[in-house]
Amino acid sequence: MALILSDRVKETSVTSGTGDVNLGGALGGFQTFSDAIGDGNTTYYVIENESRWEVGVGTYTLSTNTLSRDTVLSSSSGT
């Protein structure tokens, strides 16, 4: 498992709550986590919507196409 940093990675998701993020595919002009980060590797992430956000470190899993939220570094809720 390696820490991978990559530019232009952005996927949609309808996941709510605090568990793993189910990824829904790249937006136009962006890469998927699968292509850019690779199975079992960790990366920094940002989750955002119109009013809330979270920054952390997570691990991408190819078999489930999910990003785990291993360490939340900061968030709009202060946790």
C-alpha atoms as a PDB file:
ATOM      1  CA  MET A   1       0.000   0.000   0.000  1.00  0.00           C
ATOM      2  CA  ALA A   2       1.448   3.336  -1.100  1.00  0.00           C
ATOM      3  CA  LEU A   3       0.422   6.954  -0.736  1.00  0.00           C
ATOM      4  CA  ILE A   4      -0.489   8.097  -4.263  1.00  0.00           C
ATOM      5  CA  LEU A   5      -1.092  11.721  -5.227  1.00  0.00           C
ATOM      6  CA  SER A   6      -2.659  12.444  -8.589  1.00  0.00           C
ATOM      7  CA  ASP A   7      -4.120  15.482 -10.332  1.00  0.00           C
ATOM      8  CA  ARG A   8      -7.599  15.687 -11.856  1.00  0.00           C
ATOM      9  CA  VAL A   9      -9.326  12.875  -9.946  1.00  0.00           C
ATOM     10  CA  LYS A  10     -13.011  13.535  -9.309  1.00  0.00           C
ATOM     11  CA  GLU A  11     -15.930  11.148  -8.989  1.00  0.00           C
ATOM     12  CA  THR A  12     -19.578  11.482  -8.109  1.00  0.00           C
ATOM     13  CA  SER A  13     -21.222   9.757  -5.155  1.00  0.00           C
ATOM     14  CA  VAL A  14     -24.595   9.678  -3.428  1.00  0.00           C
ATOM     15  CA  THR A  15     -23.132   8.212  -0.225  1.00  0.00           C
ATOM     16  CA  SER A  16     -24.259   9.758   3.048  1.00  0.00           C
ATOM     17  CA  GLY A  17     -23.098   9.208   6.594  1.00  0.00           C
ATOM     18  CA  THR A  18     -19.613   8.465   7.850  1.00  0.00           C
ATOM     19  CA  GLY A  19     -18.739   5.129   6.228  1.00  0.00           C
ATOM     20  CA  ASP A  20     -16.947   4.233   3.019  1.00  0.00           C
ATOM     21  CA  VAL A  21     -17.753   6.325  -0.050  1.00  0.00           C
ATOM     22  CA  ASN A  22     -19.330   4.425  -2.971  1.00  0.00           C
ATOM     23  CA  LEU A  23     -17.905   6.008  -6.110  1.00  0.00           C
ATOM     24  CA  GLY A  24     -20.166   6.663  -9.084  1.00  0.00           C
ATOM     25  CA  GLY A  25     -17.841   7.508 -11.967  1.00  0.00           C
ATOM     26  CA  ALA A  26     -15.632  10.364 -13.084  1.00  0.00           C
ATOM     27  CA  LEU A  27     -16.942  13.733 -14.135  1.00  0.00           C
ATOM     28  CA  GLY A  28     -16.029  14.938 -17.641  1.00  0.00           C
ATOM     29  CA  GLY A  29     -12.327  15.691 -18.011  1.00  0.00           C
ATOM     30  CA  PHE A  30     -11.378  13.921 -14.758  1.00  0.00           C
ATOM     31  CA  GLN A  31      -9.888  10.506 -13.907  1.00  0.00           C
ATOM     32  CA  THR A  32     -11.407   7.794 -11.727  1.00  0.00           C
ATOM     33  CA  PHE A  33      -9.793   6.690  -8.470  1.00  0.00           C
ATOM     34  CA  SER A  34      -9.278   3.297 -10.118  1.00  0.00           C
ATOM     35  CA  ASP A  35      -7.201   4.780 -12.947  1.00  0.00           C
ATOM     36  CA  ALA A  36      -5.304   7.370 -10.920  1.00  0.00           C
ATOM     37  CA  ILE A  37      -4.840   5.859  -7.447  1.00  0.00           C
ATOM     38  CA  GLY A  38      -5.096   2.095  -7.912  1.00  0.00           C
ATOM     39  CA  ASP A  39      -6.323  -0.759  -5.746  1.00  0.00           C
ATOM     40  CA  GLY A  40      -5.210  -0.744  -2.120  1.00  0.00           C
ATOM     41  CA  ASN A  41      -3.412   2.599  -2.268  1.00  0.00           C
ATOM     42  CA  THR A  42      -4.079   5.587  -0.036  1.00  0.00           C
ATOM     43  CA  THR A  43      -4.592   9.199  -1.073  1.00  0.00           C
ATOM     44  CA  TYR A  44      -5.788  12.532   0.197  1.00  0.00           C
ATOM     45  CA  TYR A  45      -9.441  13.261  -0.586  1.00  0.00           C
ATOM     46  CA  VAL A  46     -12.011  16.045  -0.406  1.00  0.00           C
ATOM     47  CA  ILE A  47     -15.744  15.404  -0.126  1.00  0.00           C
ATOM     48  CA  GLU A  48     -17.980  18.388  -0.732  1.00  0.00           C
ATOM     49  CA  ASN A  49     -21.479  19.501  -1.537  1.00  0.00           C
ATOM     50  CA  GLU A  50     -22.990  22.979  -1.641  1.00  0.00           C
ATOM     51  CA  SER A  51     -22.605  23.653   2.082  1.00  0.00           C
ATOM     52  CA  ARG A  52     -20.493  20.923   3.730  1.00  0.00           C
ATOM     53  CA  TRP A  53     -17.003  19.516   3.186  1.00  0.00           C
ATOM     54  CA  GLU A  54     -14.459  17.049   4.560  1.00  0.00           C
ATOM     55  CA  VAL A  55     -10.718  16.575   3.945  1.00  0.00           C
ATOM     56  CA  GLY A  56      -8.950  13.344   4.819  1.00  0.00           C
ATOM     57  CA  VAL A  57      -6.831  10.358   3.893  1.00  0.00           C
ATOM     58  CA  GLY A  58      -8.510   7.251   2.489  1.00  0.00           C
ATOM     59  CA  THR A  59      -7.824   3.931   0.787  1.00  0.00           C
ATOM     60  CA  TYR A  60      -9.272   2.978  -2.606  1.00  0.00           C
ATOM     61  CA  THR A  61     -10.652  -0.586  -3.023  1.00  0.00           C
ATOM     62  CA  LEU A  62     -11.191  -1.755  -6.595  1.00  0.00           C
ATOM     63  CA  SER A  63     -13.455  -4.756  -5.858  1.00  0.00           C
ATOM     64  CA  THR A  64     -16.112  -2.554  -4.245  1.00  0.00           C
ATOM     65  CA  ASN A  65     -15.214   0.726  -6.029  1.00  0.00           C
ATOM     66  CA  THR A  66     -15.093   2.502  -2.681  1.00  0.00           C
ATOM     67  CA  LEU A  67     -12.906   4.995  -0.874  1.00  0.00           C
ATOM     68  CA  SER A  68     -12.543   4.397   2.855  1.00  0.00           C
ATOM     69  CA  ARG A  69     -12.293   7.382   5.163  1.00  0.00           C
ATOM     70  CA  ASP A  70      -9.263   6.312   7.198  1.00  0.00           C
ATOM     71  CA  THR A  71      -8.390   9.668   8.778  1.00  0.00           C
ATOM     72  CA  VAL A  72     -10.563  12.774   8.690  1.00  0.00           C
ATOM     73  CA  LEU A  73      -8.189  15.748   8.866  1.00  0.00           C
ATOM     74  CA  SER A  74     -10.788  18.535   8.949  1.00  0.00           C
ATOM     75  CA  SER A  75     -14.409  19.191   8.110  1.00  0.00           C
ATOM     76  CA  SER A  76     -17.062  21.863   8.064  1.00  0.00           C
ATOM     77  CA  SER A  77     -18.674  20.214  11.092  1.00  0.00           C
ATOM     78  CA  GLY A  78     -15.473  20.595  13.088  1.00  0.00           C
ATOM     79  CA  THR A  79     -14.882  16.870  13.527  1.00  0.00           C
END
